[in-house]
Amino acid sequence: MVRSSSRDRVIAECLAKPGAAEDYPFGDGVAVFKVTGRMFALVPLDPPPGSVSLKCDPDLAADLRARYAAITPGYHLNKRHWNTVALDGSVPDEELLELIDHSYELVVARLTRAQRNKLKP
């Protein structure tokens, strides 16, 4: 991802998830991505490079924070279950995309079977 378009790519990846919806419950400055009303990503619309907050397994979250200075405990979120990733290019693109998938999958796993079935094409 080119730094100037990292946030746009993150937003596009979030919206590409089955059943994903973009919402602005905290005002125009933060895009919130939800599946069946549950948040899986928050993207502040601040000037570049920007950041994204993603839900994360607590053990993986701690490991990621130890490996990358750009990954910190979730800003204004449950620090155990959320990470904030600075979009400064220091986290490899492939890993960032995997973290978006992981966040989405954690939320989907907690949905009812009926809700999950509605997400399938």
PDB file of N, CA and C in Angstrom:
ATOM      1  N   MET A   1       0.840  -1.185   0.000  1.00  0.00           N
ATOM      2  CA  MET A   1       0.000   0.000   0.000  1.00  0.00           C
ATOM      3  C   MET A   1       0.881   1.244   0.000  1.00  0.00           C
ATOM      4  N   VAL A   2       0.574   2.167  -0.842  1.00  0.00           N
ATOM      5  CA  VAL A   2       1.272   3.435  -0.826  1.00  0.00           C
ATOM      6  C   VAL A   2       0.726   4.228   0.347  1.00  0.00           C
ATOM      7  N   ARG A   3       1.603   4.881   1.091  1.00  0.00           N
ATOM      8  CA  ARG A   3       1.173   5.549   2.320  1.00  0.00           C
ATOM      9  C   ARG A   3      -0.029   6.459   2.138  1.00  0.00           C
ATOM     10  N   SER A   4      -0.042   7.238   1.070  1.00  0.00           N
ATOM     11  CA  SER A   4      -1.129   8.194   0.901  1.00  0.00           C
ATOM     12  C   SER A   4      -2.473   7.504   0.686  1.00  0.00           C
ATOM     13  N   SER A   5      -2.447   6.256   0.222  1.00  0.00           N
ATOM     14  CA  SER A   5      -3.720   5.577  -0.011  1.00  0.00           C
ATOM     15  C   SER A   5      -3.962   4.437   0.977  1.00  0.00           C
ATOM     16  N   SER A   6      -3.133   4.310   1.992  1.00  0.00           N
ATOM     17  CA  SER A   6      -3.301   3.227   2.967  1.00  0.00           C
ATOM     18  C   SER A   6      -4.680   3.259   3.596  1.00  0.00           C
ATOM     19  N   ARG A   7      -5.111   4.425   4.031  1.00  0.00           N
ATOM     20  CA  ARG A   7      -6.427   4.518   4.672  1.00  0.00           C
ATOM     21  C   ARG A   7      -7.526   4.142   3.677  1.00  0.00           C
ATOM     22  N   ASP A   8      -7.423   4.599   2.442  1.00  0.00           N
ATOM     23  CA  ASP A   8      -8.438   4.257   1.446  1.00  0.00           C
ATOM     24  C   ASP A   8      -8.471   2.749   1.195  1.00  0.00           C
ATOM     25  N   ARG A   9      -7.312   2.129   1.170  1.00  0.00           N
ATOM     26  CA  ARG A   9      -7.241   0.673   0.956  1.00  0.00           C
ATOM     27  C   ARG A   9      -7.848  -0.053   2.152  1.00  0.00           C
ATOM     28  N   VAL A  10      -7.555   0.399   3.364  1.00  0.00           N
ATOM     29  CA  VAL A  10      -8.129  -0.213   4.568  1.00  0.00           C
ATOM     30  C   VAL A  10      -9.651  -0.095   4.529  1.00  0.00           C
ATOM     31  N   ILE A  11     -10.148   1.079   4.197  1.00  0.00           N
ATOM     32  CA  ILE A  11     -11.598   1.282   4.115  1.00  0.00           C
ATOM     33  C   ILE A  11     -12.209   0.357   3.074  1.00  0.00           C
ATOM     34  N   ALA A  12     -11.571   0.251   1.913  1.00  0.00           N
ATOM     35  CA  ALA A  12     -12.075  -0.628   0.852  1.00  0.00           C
ATOM     36  C   ALA A  12     -12.081  -2.089   1.303  1.00  0.00           C
ATOM     37  N   GLU A  13     -11.033  -2.508   1.999  1.00  0.00           N
ATOM     38  CA  GLU A  13     -10.963  -3.888   2.496  1.00  0.00           C
ATOM     39  C   GLU A  13     -12.070  -4.161   3.509  1.00  0.00           C
ATOM     40  N   CYS A  14     -12.312  -3.213   4.389  1.00  0.00           N
ATOM     41  CA  CYS A  14     -13.372  -3.373   5.390  1.00  0.00           C
ATOM     42  C   CYS A  14     -14.738  -3.478   4.726  1.00  0.00           C
ATOM     43  N   LEU A  15     -14.989  -2.617   3.763  1.00  0.00           N
ATOM     44  CA  LEU A  15     -16.285  -2.621   3.082  1.00  0.00           C
ATOM     45  C   LEU A  15     -16.492  -3.856   2.212  1.00  0.00           C
ATOM     46  N   ALA A  16     -15.412  -4.506   1.796  1.00  0.00           N
ATOM     47  CA  ALA A  16     -15.508  -5.691   0.945  1.00  0.00           C
ATOM     48  C   ALA A  16     -15.944  -6.940   1.714  1.00  0.00           C
ATOM     49  N   LYS A  17     -15.950  -6.883   3.026  1.00  0.00           N
ATOM     50  CA  LYS A  17     -16.341  -8.035   3.840  1.00  0.00           C
ATOM     51  C   LYS A  17     -17.851  -8.259   3.731  1.00  0.00           C
ATOM     52  N   PRO A  18     -18.268  -9.525   3.655  1.00  0.00           N
ATOM     53  CA  PRO A  18     -19.710  -9.806   3.562  1.00  0.00           C
ATOM     54  C   PRO A  18     -20.489  -9.199   4.726  1.00  0.00           C
ATOM     55  N   GLY A  19     -21.523  -8.442   4.402  1.00  0.00           N
ATOM     56  CA  GLY A  19     -22.382  -7.847   5.415  1.00  0.00           C
ATOM     57  C   GLY A  19     -21.826  -6.608   6.087  1.00  0.00           C
ATOM     58  N   ALA A  20     -20.647  -6.149   5.659  1.00  0.00           N
ATOM     59  CA  ALA A  20     -20.020  -4.986   6.299  1.00  0.00           C
ATOM     60  C   ALA A  20     -20.788  -3.707   5.960  1.00  0.00           C
ATOM     61  N   ALA A  21     -20.851  -2.837   6.964  1.00  0.00           N
ATOM     62  CA  ALA A  21     -21.517  -1.541   6.789  1.00  0.00           C
ATOM     63  C   ALA A  21     -20.651  -0.462   7.420  1.00  0.00           C
ATOM     64  N   GLU A  22     -20.622   0.685   6.778  1.00  0.00           N
ATOM     65  CA  GLU A  22     -19.878   1.844   7.288  1.00  0.00           C
ATOM     66  C   GLU A  22     -20.861   2.729   8.045  1.00  0.00           C
ATOM     67  N   ASP A  23     -20.436   3.194   9.221  1.00  0.00           N
ATOM     68  CA  ASP A  23     -21.307   3.993  10.076  1.00  0.00           C
ATOM     69  C   ASP A  23     -20.472   5.100  10.713  1.00  0.00           C
ATOM     70  N   TYR A  24     -21.121   6.116  11.229  1.00  0.00           N
ATOM     71  CA  TYR A  24     -20.434   7.235  11.872  1.00  0.00           C
ATOM     72  C   TYR A  24     -21.078   7.549  13.229  1.00  0.00           C
ATOM     73  N   PRO A  25     -21.105   6.580  14.157  1.00  0.00           N
ATOM     74  CA  PRO A  25     -21.762   6.815  15.437  1.00  0.00           C
ATOM     75  C   PRO A  25     -21.015   7.797  16.344  1.00  0.00           C
ATOM     76  N   PHE A  26     -19.743   8.048  16.055  1.00  0.00           N
ATOM     77  CA  PHE A  26     -18.932   8.951  16.885  1.00  0.00           C
ATOM     78  C   PHE A  26     -18.688  10.285  16.193  1.00  0.00           C
ATOM     79  N   GLY A  27     -19.443  10.580  15.147  1.00  0.00           N
ATOM     80  CA  GLY A  27     -19.280  11.820  14.401  1.00  0.00           C
ATOM     81  C   GLY A  27     -18.583  11.577  13.077  1.00  0.00           C
ATOM     82  N   ASP A  28     -18.450  12.648  12.309  1.00  0.00           N
ATOM     83  CA  ASP A  28     -17.903  12.546  10.956  1.00  0.00           C
ATOM     84  C   ASP A  28     -16.415  12.219  10.908  1.00  0.00           C
ATOM     85  N   GLY A  29     -15.731  12.265  12.034  1.00  0.00           N
ATOM     86  CA  GLY A  29     -14.287  12.076  12.033  1.00  0.00           C
ATOM     87  C   GLY A  29     -13.805  10.645  12.158  1.00  0.00           C
ATOM     88  N   VAL A  30     -14.724   9.695  12.355  1.00  0.00           N
ATOM     89  CA  VAL A  30     -14.313   8.290  12.519  1.00  0.00           C
ATOM     90  C   VAL A  30     -15.291   7.392  11.765  1.00  0.00           C
ATOM     91  N   ALA A  31     -14.753   6.668  10.772  1.00  0.00           N
ATOM     92  CA  ALA A  31     -15.550   5.674  10.063  1.00  0.00           C
ATOM     93  C   ALA A  31     -15.511   4.385  10.874  1.00  0.00           C
ATOM     94  N   VAL A  32     -16.682   3.851  11.181  1.00  0.00           N
ATOM     95  CA  VAL A  32     -16.785   2.616  11.962  1.00  0.00           C
ATOM     96  C   VAL A  32     -17.373   1.546  11.050  1.00  0.00           C
ATOM     97  N   PHE A  33     -16.704   0.397  11.021  1.00  0.00           N
ATOM     98  CA  PHE A  33     -17.155  -0.704  10.175  1.00  0.00           C
ATOM     99  C   PHE A  33     -17.731  -1.792  11.057  1.00  0.00           C
ATOM    100  N   LYS A  34     -18.953  -2.204  10.693  1.00  0.00           N
ATOM    101  CA  LYS A  34     -19.695  -3.162  11.500  1.00  0.00           C
ATOM    102  C   LYS A  34     -20.204  -4.292  10.628  1.00  0.00           C
ATOM    103  N   VAL A  35     -20.415  -5.429  11.271  1.00  0.00           N
ATOM    104  CA  VAL A  35     -21.123  -6.542  10.649  1.00  0.00           C
ATOM    105  C   VAL A  35     -22.240  -6.912  11.621  1.00  0.00           C
ATOM    106  N   THR A  36     -23.461  -6.922  11.130  1.00  0.00           N
ATOM    107  CA  THR A  36     -24.678  -7.108  11.937  1.00  0.00           C
ATOM    108  C   THR A  36     -24.659  -6.247  13.198  1.00  0.00           C
ATOM    109  N   GLY A  37     -24.234  -5.009  13.047  1.00  0.00           N
ATOM    110  CA  GLY A  37     -24.255  -4.047  14.140  1.00  0.00           C
ATOM    111  C   GLY A  37     -23.095  -4.133  15.114  1.00  0.00           C
ATOM    112  N   ARG A  38     -22.135  -5.029  14.874  1.00  0.00           N
ATOM    113  CA  ARG A  38     -20.984  -5.171  15.776  1.00  0.00           C
ATOM    114  C   ARG A  38     -19.725  -4.641  15.103  1.00  0.00           C
ATOM    115  N   MET A  39     -19.006  -3.818  15.834  1.00  0.00           N
ATOM    116  CA  MET A  39     -17.803  -3.177  15.284  1.00  0.00           C
ATOM    117  C   MET A  39     -16.671  -4.178  15.080  1.00  0.00           C
ATOM    118  N   PHE A  40     -15.981  -4.029  13.931  1.00  0.00           N
ATOM    119  CA  PHE A  40     -14.758  -4.790  13.726  1.00  0.00           C
ATOM    120  C   PHE A  40     -13.594  -3.887  13.311  1.00  0.00           C
ATOM    121  N   ALA A  41     -13.860  -2.636  12.966  1.00  0.00           N
ATOM    122  CA  ALA A  41     -12.781  -1.708  12.606  1.00  0.00           C
ATOM    123  C   ALA A  41     -13.242  -0.270  12.791  1.00  0.00           C
ATOM    124  N   LEU A  42     -12.308   0.570  13.235  1.00  0.00           N
ATOM    125  CA  LEU A  42     -12.543   2.006  13.349  1.00  0.00           C
ATOM    126  C   LEU A  42     -11.402   2.711  12.633  1.00  0.00           C
ATOM    127  N   VAL A  43     -11.743   3.639  11.753  1.00  0.00           N
ATOM    128  CA  VAL A  43     -10.732   4.356  10.979  1.00  0.00           C
ATOM    129  C   VAL A  43     -10.928   5.855  11.176  1.00  0.00           C
ATOM    130  N   PRO A  44     -10.060   6.490  11.994  1.00  0.00           N
ATOM    131  CA  PRO A  44     -10.140   7.950  12.125  1.00  0.00           C
ATOM    132  C   PRO A  44      -9.825   8.599  10.779  1.00  0.00           C
ATOM    133  N   LEU A  45     -10.543   9.646  10.447  1.00  0.00           N
ATOM    134  CA  LEU A  45     -10.347  10.317   9.160  1.00  0.00           C
ATOM    135  C   LEU A  45      -9.426  11.525   9.305  1.00  0.00           C
ATOM    136  N   ASP A  46      -8.417  11.374  10.176  1.00  0.00           N
ATOM    137  CA  ASP A  46      -7.408  12.406  10.380  1.00  0.00           C
ATOM    138  C   ASP A  46      -6.485  12.476   9.161  1.00  0.00           C
ATOM    139  N   PRO A  47      -5.620  13.502   9.108  1.00  0.00           N
ATOM    140  CA  PRO A  47      -4.660  13.584   8.007  1.00  0.00           C
ATOM    141  C   PRO A  47      -3.738  12.355   7.987  1.00  0.00           C
ATOM    142  N   PRO A  48      -3.189  12.010   6.800  1.00  0.00           N
ATOM    143  CA  PRO A  48      -2.278  10.870   6.687  1.00  0.00           C
ATOM    144  C   PRO A  48      -1.117  10.992   7.660  1.00  0.00           C
ATOM    145  N   PRO A  49      -0.536   9.901   8.146  1.00  0.00           N
ATOM    146  CA  PRO A  49      -0.766   8.566   7.608  1.00  0.00           C
ATOM    147  C   PRO A  49      -2.011   7.884   8.142  1.00  0.00           C
ATOM    148  N   GLY A  50      -2.572   8.314   9.247  1.00  0.00           N
ATOM    149  CA  GLY A  50      -3.793   7.728   9.776  1.00  0.00           C
ATOM    150  C   GLY A  50      -3.547   6.445  10.546  1.00  0.00           C
ATOM    151  N   SER A  51      -4.650   5.812  10.940  1.00  0.00           N
ATOM    152  CA  SER A  51      -4.566   4.579  11.708  1.00  0.00           C
ATOM    153  C   SER A  51      -5.864   3.801  11.530  1.00  0.00           C
ATOM    154  N   VAL A  52      -5.843   2.565  12.033  1.00  0.00           N
ATOM    155  CA  VAL A  52      -7.036   1.739  12.068  1.00  0.00           C
ATOM    156  C   VAL A  52      -7.009   0.970  13.380  1.00  0.00           C
ATOM    157  N   SER A  53      -8.151   0.885  14.043  1.00  0.00           N
ATOM    158  CA  SER A  53      -8.264   0.074  15.250  1.00  0.00           C
ATOM    159  C   SER A  53      -9.027  -1.186  14.891  1.00  0.00           C
ATOM    160  N   LEU A  54      -8.460  -2.332  15.314  1.00  0.00           N
ATOM    161  CA  LEU A  54      -9.004  -3.625  14.946  1.00  0.00           C
ATOM    162  C   LEU A  54      -9.131  -4.527  16.157  1.00  0.00           C
ATOM    163  N   LYS A  55     -10.188  -5.304  16.189  1.00  0.00           N
ATOM    164  CA  LYS A  55     -10.375  -6.302  17.239  1.00  0.00           C
ATOM    165  C   LYS A  55      -9.285  -7.365  17.050  1.00  0.00           C
ATOM    166  N   CYS A  56      -8.815  -7.943  18.172  1.00  0.00           N
ATOM    167  CA  CYS A  56      -7.717  -8.895  18.068  1.00  0.00           C
ATOM    168  C   CYS A  56      -7.735  -9.865  19.246  1.00  0.00           C
ATOM    169  N   ASP A  57      -7.393 -11.111  18.986  1.00  0.00           N
ATOM    170  CA  ASP A  57      -7.220 -12.084  20.057  1.00  0.00           C
ATOM    171  C   ASP A  57      -6.195 -11.523  21.043  1.00  0.00           C
ATOM    172  N   PRO A  58      -6.459 -11.567  22.358  1.00  0.00           N
ATOM    173  CA  PRO A  58      -5.557 -10.944  23.335  1.00  0.00           C
ATOM    174  C   PRO A  58      -4.101 -11.425  23.274  1.00  0.00           C
ATOM    175  N   ASP A  59      -3.883 -12.724  23.054  1.00  0.00           N
ATOM    176  CA  ASP A  59      -2.508 -13.221  22.975  1.00  0.00           C
ATOM    177  C   ASP A  59      -1.803 -12.704  21.727  1.00  0.00           C
ATOM    178  N   LEU A  60      -2.505 -12.714  20.616  1.00  0.00           N
ATOM    179  CA  LEU A  60      -1.938 -12.192  19.376  1.00  0.00           C
ATOM    180  C   LEU A  60      -1.701 -10.688  19.495  1.00  0.00           C
ATOM    181  N   ALA A  61      -2.634  -9.993  20.141  1.00  0.00           N
ATOM    182  CA  ALA A  61      -2.502  -8.539  20.312  1.00  0.00           C
ATOM    183  C   ALA A  61      -1.197  -8.202  21.028  1.00  0.00           C
ATOM    184  N   ALA A  62      -0.904  -8.916  22.097  1.00  0.00           N
ATOM    185  CA  ALA A  62       0.328  -8.664  22.857  1.00  0.00           C
ATOM    186  C   ALA A  62       1.558  -8.963  22.011  1.00  0.00           C
ATOM    187  N   ASP A  63       1.517 -10.035  21.242  1.00  0.00           N
ATOM    188  CA  ASP A  63       2.636 -10.391  20.369  1.00  0.00           C
ATOM    189  C   ASP A  63       2.874  -9.316  19.304  1.00  0.00           C
ATOM    190  N   LEU A  64       1.809  -8.837  18.702  1.00  0.00           N
ATOM    191  CA  LEU A  64       1.928  -7.811  17.668  1.00  0.00           C
ATOM    192  C   LEU A  64       2.504  -6.510  18.235  1.00  0.00           C
ATOM    193  N   ARG A  65       2.069  -6.147  19.431  1.00  0.00           N
ATOM    194  CA  ARG A  65       2.581  -4.927  20.067  1.00  0.00           C
ATOM    195  C   ARG A  65       4.072  -5.039  20.359  1.00  0.00           C
ATOM    196  N   ALA A  66       4.523  -6.245  20.677  1.00  0.00           N
ATOM    197  CA  ALA A  66       5.948  -6.462  20.944  1.00  0.00           C
ATOM    198  C   ALA A  66       6.765  -6.416  19.650  1.00  0.00           C
ATOM    199  N   ARG A  67       6.171  -6.826  18.541  1.00  0.00           N
ATOM    200  CA  ARG A  67       6.894  -6.868  17.253  1.00  0.00           C
ATOM    201  C   ARG A  67       6.912  -5.538  16.511  1.00  0.00           C
ATOM    202  N   TYR A  68       5.866  -4.738  16.651  1.00  0.00           N
ATOM    203  CA  TYR A  68       5.743  -3.513  15.855  1.00  0.00           C
ATOM    204  C   TYR A  68       5.483  -2.296  16.734  1.00  0.00           C
ATOM    205  N   ALA A  69       6.308  -1.288  16.598  1.00  0.00           N
ATOM    206  CA  ALA A  69       6.092  -0.033  17.326  1.00  0.00           C
ATOM    207  C   ALA A  69       4.810   0.651  16.857  1.00  0.00           C
ATOM    208  N   ALA A  70       4.392   0.381  15.630  1.00  0.00           N
ATOM    209  CA  ALA A  70       3.191   1.008  15.060  1.00  0.00           C
ATOM    210  C   ALA A  70       1.899   0.378  15.565  1.00  0.00           C
ATOM    211  N   ILE A  71       1.985  -0.715  16.323  1.00  0.00           N
ATOM    212  CA  ILE A  71       0.791  -1.362  16.860  1.00  0.00           C
ATOM    213  C   ILE A  71       0.763  -1.142  18.363  1.00  0.00           C
ATOM    214  N   THR A  72      -0.286  -0.465  18.804  1.00  0.00           N
ATOM    215  CA  THR A  72      -0.435  -0.099  20.214  1.00  0.00           C
ATOM    216  C   THR A  72      -1.808  -0.557  20.715  1.00  0.00           C
ATOM    217  N   PRO A  73      -2.006  -0.560  22.036  1.00  0.00           N
ATOM    218  CA  PRO A  73      -3.334  -0.910  22.551  1.00  0.00           C
ATOM    219  C   PRO A  73      -4.410   0.010  21.960  1.00  0.00           C
ATOM    220  N   GLY A  74      -5.582  -0.530  21.756  1.00  0.00           N
ATOM    221  CA  GLY A  74      -6.678   0.210  21.136  1.00  0.00           C
ATOM    222  C   GLY A  74      -6.942   1.556  21.778  1.00  0.00           C
ATOM    223  N   TYR A  75      -6.954   2.588  20.961  1.00  0.00           N
ATOM    224  CA  TYR A  75      -7.192   3.948  21.431  1.00  0.00           C
ATOM    225  C   TYR A  75      -8.665   4.103  21.787  1.00  0.00           C
ATOM    226  N   HIS A  76      -8.955   4.424  23.043  1.00  0.00           N
ATOM    227  CA  HIS A  76     -10.324   4.580  23.555  1.00  0.00           C
ATOM    228  C   HIS A  76     -11.158   3.304  23.411  1.00  0.00           C
ATOM    229  N   LEU A  77     -10.492   2.149  23.446  1.00  0.00           N
ATOM    230  CA  LEU A  77     -11.178   0.863  23.325  1.00  0.00           C
ATOM    231  C   LEU A  77     -10.643  -0.083  24.392  1.00  0.00           C
ATOM    232  N   ASN A  78     -11.246  -1.253  24.518  1.00  0.00           N
ATOM    233  CA  ASN A  78     -10.763  -2.263  25.446  1.00  0.00           C
ATOM    234  C   ASN A  78      -9.351  -2.664  25.013  1.00  0.00           C
ATOM    235  N   LYS A  79      -8.374  -2.303  25.808  1.00  0.00           N
ATOM    236  CA  LYS A  79      -6.957  -2.495  25.447  1.00  0.00           C
ATOM    237  C   LYS A  79      -6.576  -3.964  25.314  1.00  0.00           C
ATOM    238  N   ARG A  80      -7.329  -4.839  25.943  1.00  0.00           N
ATOM    239  CA  ARG A  80      -7.027  -6.270  25.860  1.00  0.00           C
ATOM    240  C   ARG A  80      -7.457  -6.856  24.512  1.00  0.00           C
ATOM    241  N   HIS A  81      -8.547  -6.345  23.942  1.00  0.00           N
ATOM    242  CA  HIS A  81      -9.130  -6.931  22.738  1.00  0.00           C
ATOM    243  C   HIS A  81      -9.005  -6.089  21.469  1.00  0.00           C
ATOM    244  N   TRP A  82      -8.398  -4.922  21.578  1.00  0.00           N
ATOM    245  CA  TRP A  82      -8.290  -4.052  20.404  1.00  0.00           C
ATOM    246  C   TRP A  82      -6.864  -3.516  20.267  1.00  0.00           C
ATOM    247  N   ASN A  83      -6.396  -3.427  19.025  1.00  0.00           N
ATOM    248  CA  ASN A  83      -5.118  -2.793  18.699  1.00  0.00           C
ATOM    249  C   ASN A  83      -5.376  -1.623  17.766  1.00  0.00           C
ATOM    250  N   THR A  84      -4.558  -0.591  17.893  1.00  0.00           N
ATOM    251  CA  THR A  84      -4.562   0.494  16.928  1.00  0.00           C
ATOM    252  C   THR A  84      -3.271   0.382  16.123  1.00  0.00           C
ATOM    253  N   VAL A  85      -3.412   0.361  14.798  1.00  0.00           N
ATOM    254  CA  VAL A  85      -2.280   0.204  13.894  1.00  0.00           C
ATOM    255  C   VAL A  85      -2.064   1.518  13.158  1.00  0.00           C
ATOM    256  N   ALA A  86      -0.895   2.124  13.365  1.00  0.00           N
ATOM    257  CA  ALA A  86      -0.543   3.331  12.612  1.00  0.00           C
ATOM    258  C   ALA A  86      -0.278   2.927  11.169  1.00  0.00           C
ATOM    259  N   LEU A  87      -0.847   3.658  10.234  1.00  0.00           N
ATOM    260  CA  LEU A  87      -0.682   3.344   8.816  1.00  0.00           C
ATOM    261  C   LEU A  87       0.536   4.069   8.250  1.00  0.00           C
ATOM    262  N   ASP A  88       1.678   3.850   8.908  1.00  0.00           N
ATOM    263  CA  ASP A  88       2.914   4.521   8.516  1.00  0.00           C
ATOM    264  C   ASP A  88       3.790   3.667   7.606  1.00  0.00           C
ATOM    265  N   GLY A  89       3.312   2.506   7.207  1.00  0.00           N
ATOM    266  CA  GLY A  89       4.055   1.635   6.313  1.00  0.00           C
ATOM    267  C   GLY A  89       4.984   0.657   7.012  1.00  0.00           C
ATOM    268  N   SER A  90       5.084   0.722   8.322  1.00  0.00           N
ATOM    269  CA  SER A  90       6.014  -0.157   9.030  1.00  0.00           C
ATOM    270  C   SER A  90       5.448  -1.564   9.270  1.00  0.00           C
ATOM    271  N   VAL A  91       4.136  -1.710   9.220  1.00  0.00           N
ATOM    272  CA  VAL A  91       3.521  -3.040   9.288  1.00  0.00           C
ATOM    273  C   VAL A  91       3.314  -3.493   7.845  1.00  0.00           C
ATOM    274  N   PRO A  92       3.864  -4.663   7.481  1.00  0.00           N
ATOM    275  CA  PRO A  92       3.722  -5.120   6.092  1.00  0.00           C
ATOM    276  C   PRO A  92       2.262  -5.169   5.648  1.00  0.00           C
ATOM    277  N   ASP A  93       2.029  -4.799   4.394  1.00  0.00           N
ATOM    278  CA  ASP A  93       0.671  -4.758   3.840  1.00  0.00           C
ATOM    279  C   ASP A  93      -0.059  -6.079   4.038  1.00  0.00           C
ATOM    280  N   GLU A  94       0.616  -7.187   3.759  1.00  0.00           N
ATOM    281  CA  GLU A  94      -0.009  -8.499   3.884  1.00  0.00           C
ATOM    282  C   GLU A  94      -0.470  -8.748   5.318  1.00  0.00           C
ATOM    283  N   GLU A  95       0.350  -8.364   6.278  1.00  0.00           N
ATOM    284  CA  GLU A  95      -0.020  -8.559   7.684  1.00  0.00           C
ATOM    285  C   GLU A  95      -1.192  -7.657   8.073  1.00  0.00           C
ATOM    286  N   LEU A  96      -1.196  -6.430   7.594  1.00  0.00           N
ATOM    287  CA  LEU A  96      -2.309  -5.521   7.884  1.00  0.00           C
ATOM    288  C   LEU A  96      -3.619  -6.090   7.340  1.00  0.00           C
ATOM    289  N   LEU A  97      -3.590  -6.622   6.134  1.00  0.00           N
ATOM    290  CA  LEU A  97      -4.793  -7.210   5.547  1.00  0.00           C
ATOM    291  C   LEU A  97      -5.238  -8.439   6.349  1.00  0.00           C
ATOM    292  N   GLU A  98      -4.283  -9.227   6.831  1.00  0.00           N
ATOM    293  CA  GLU A  98      -4.612 -10.373   7.672  1.00  0.00           C
ATOM    294  C   GLU A  98      -5.246  -9.925   8.984  1.00  0.00           C
ATOM    295  N   LEU A  99      -4.792  -8.804   9.524  1.00  0.00           N
ATOM    296  CA  LEU A  99      -5.363  -8.292  10.779  1.00  0.00           C
ATOM    297  C   LEU A  99      -6.797  -7.811  10.577  1.00  0.00           C
ATOM    298  N   ILE A 100      -7.078  -7.241   9.419  1.00  0.00           N
ATOM    299  CA  ILE A 100      -8.460  -6.840   9.104  1.00  0.00           C
ATOM    300  C   ILE A 100      -9.331  -8.097   9.032  1.00  0.00           C
ATOM    301  N   ASP A 101      -8.833  -9.124   8.331  1.00  0.00           N
ATOM    302  CA  ASP A 101      -9.576 -10.390   8.243  1.00  0.00           C
ATOM    303  C   ASP A 101      -9.812 -10.984   9.629  1.00  0.00           C
ATOM    304  N   HIS A 102      -8.761 -10.993  10.441  1.00  0.00           N
ATOM    305  CA  HIS A 102      -8.839 -11.559  11.796  1.00  0.00           C
ATOM    306  C   HIS A 102      -9.905 -10.829  12.625  1.00  0.00           C
ATOM    307  N   SER A 103      -9.917  -9.521  12.567  1.00  0.00           N
ATOM    308  CA  SER A 103     -10.888  -8.734  13.316  1.00  0.00           C
ATOM    309  C   SER A 103     -12.315  -9.083  12.878  1.00  0.00           C
ATOM    310  N   TYR A 104     -12.522  -9.097  11.576  1.00  0.00           N
ATOM    311  CA  TYR A 104     -13.840  -9.431  11.028  1.00  0.00           C
ATOM    312  C   TYR A 104     -14.263 -10.832  11.468  1.00  0.00           C
ATOM    313  N   GLU A 105     -13.341 -11.792  11.351  1.00  0.00           N
ATOM    314  CA  GLU A 105     -13.652 -13.178  11.699  1.00  0.00           C
ATOM    315  C   GLU A 105     -13.974 -13.342  13.182  1.00  0.00           C
ATOM    316  N   LEU A 106     -13.287 -12.594  14.050  1.00  0.00           N
ATOM    317  CA  LEU A 106     -13.600 -12.654  15.480  1.00  0.00           C
ATOM    318  C   LEU A 106     -15.037 -12.222  15.742  1.00  0.00           C
ATOM    319  N   VAL A 107     -15.467 -11.176  15.066  1.00  0.00           N
ATOM    320  CA  VAL A 107     -16.833 -10.679  15.255  1.00  0.00           C
ATOM    321  C   VAL A 107     -17.838 -11.671  14.675  1.00  0.00           C
ATOM    322  N   VAL A 108     -17.574 -12.167  13.479  1.00  0.00           N
ATOM    323  CA  VAL A 108     -18.496 -13.112  12.836  1.00  0.00           C
ATOM    324  C   VAL A 108     -18.636 -14.387  13.672  1.00  0.00           C
ATOM    325  N   ALA A 109     -17.561 -14.837  14.276  1.00  0.00           N
ATOM    326  CA  ALA A 109     -17.593 -16.062  15.086  1.00  0.00           C
ATOM    327  C   ALA A 109     -18.544 -15.938  16.278  1.00  0.00           C
ATOM    328  N   ARG A 110     -18.783 -14.727  16.736  1.00  0.00           N
ATOM    329  CA  ARG A 110     -19.665 -14.498  17.886  1.00  0.00           C
ATOM    330  C   ARG A 110     -21.129 -14.276  17.484  1.00  0.00           C
ATOM    331  N   LEU A 111     -21.403 -14.273  16.198  1.00  0.00           N
ATOM    332  CA  LEU A 111     -22.780 -14.101  15.731  1.00  0.00           C
ATOM    333  C   LEU A 111     -23.541 -15.415  15.880  1.00  0.00           C
ATOM    334  N   THR A 112     -24.846 -15.322  15.852  1.00  0.00           N
ATOM    335  CA  THR A 112     -25.658 -16.536  15.862  1.00  0.00           C
ATOM    336  C   THR A 112     -25.507 -17.241  14.516  1.00  0.00           C
ATOM    337  N   ARG A 113     -25.871 -18.511  14.482  1.00  0.00           N
ATOM    338  CA  ARG A 113     -25.797 -19.272  13.230  1.00  0.00           C
ATOM    339  C   ARG A 113     -26.668 -18.608  12.165  1.00  0.00           C
ATOM    340  N   ALA A 114     -27.823 -18.143  12.554  1.00  0.00           N
ATOM    341  CA  ALA A 114     -28.730 -17.503  11.585  1.00  0.00           C
ATOM    342  C   ALA A 114     -28.091 -16.239  11.011  1.00  0.00           C
ATOM    343  N   GLN A 115     -27.447 -15.442  11.873  1.00  0.00           N
ATOM    344  CA  GLN A 115     -26.779 -14.226  11.396  1.00  0.00           C
ATOM    345  C   GLN A 115     -25.633 -14.583  10.449  1.00  0.00           C
ATOM    346  N   ARG A 116     -24.852 -15.600  10.796  1.00  0.00           N
ATOM    347  CA  ARG A 116     -23.738 -16.023   9.924  1.00  0.00           C
ATOM    348  C   ARG A 116     -24.255 -16.509   8.579  1.00  0.00           C
ATOM    349  N   ASN A 117     -25.360 -17.258   8.597  1.00  0.00           N
ATOM    350  CA  ASN A 117     -25.906 -17.783   7.346  1.00  0.00           C
ATOM    351  C   ASN A 117     -26.367 -16.668   6.419  1.00  0.00           C
ATOM    352  N   LYS A 118     -26.853 -15.574   6.978  1.00  0.00           N
ATOM    353  CA  LYS A 118     -27.275 -14.439   6.151  1.00  0.00           C
ATOM    354  C   LYS A 118     -26.096 -13.771   5.448  1.00  0.00           C
ATOM    355  N   LEU A 119     -24.883 -13.944   5.966  1.00  0.00           N
ATOM    356  CA  LEU A 119     -23.704 -13.327   5.368  1.00  0.00           C
ATOM    357  C   LEU A 119     -23.204 -14.091   4.155  1.00  0.00           C
ATOM    358  N   LYS A 120     -23.595 -15.346   4.029  1.00  0.00           N
ATOM    359  CA  LYS A 120     -23.129 -16.177   2.917  1.00  0.00           C
ATOM    360  C   LYS A 120     -23.852 -15.777   1.637  1.00  0.00           C
ATOM    361  N   PRO A 121     -23.108 -15.774   0.525  1.00  0.00           N
ATOM    362  CA  PRO A 121     -23.724 -15.392  -0.749  1.00  0.00           C
ATOM    363  C   PRO A 121     -24.758 -16.381  -1.227  1.00  0.00           C
TER     364      PRO A 121
END
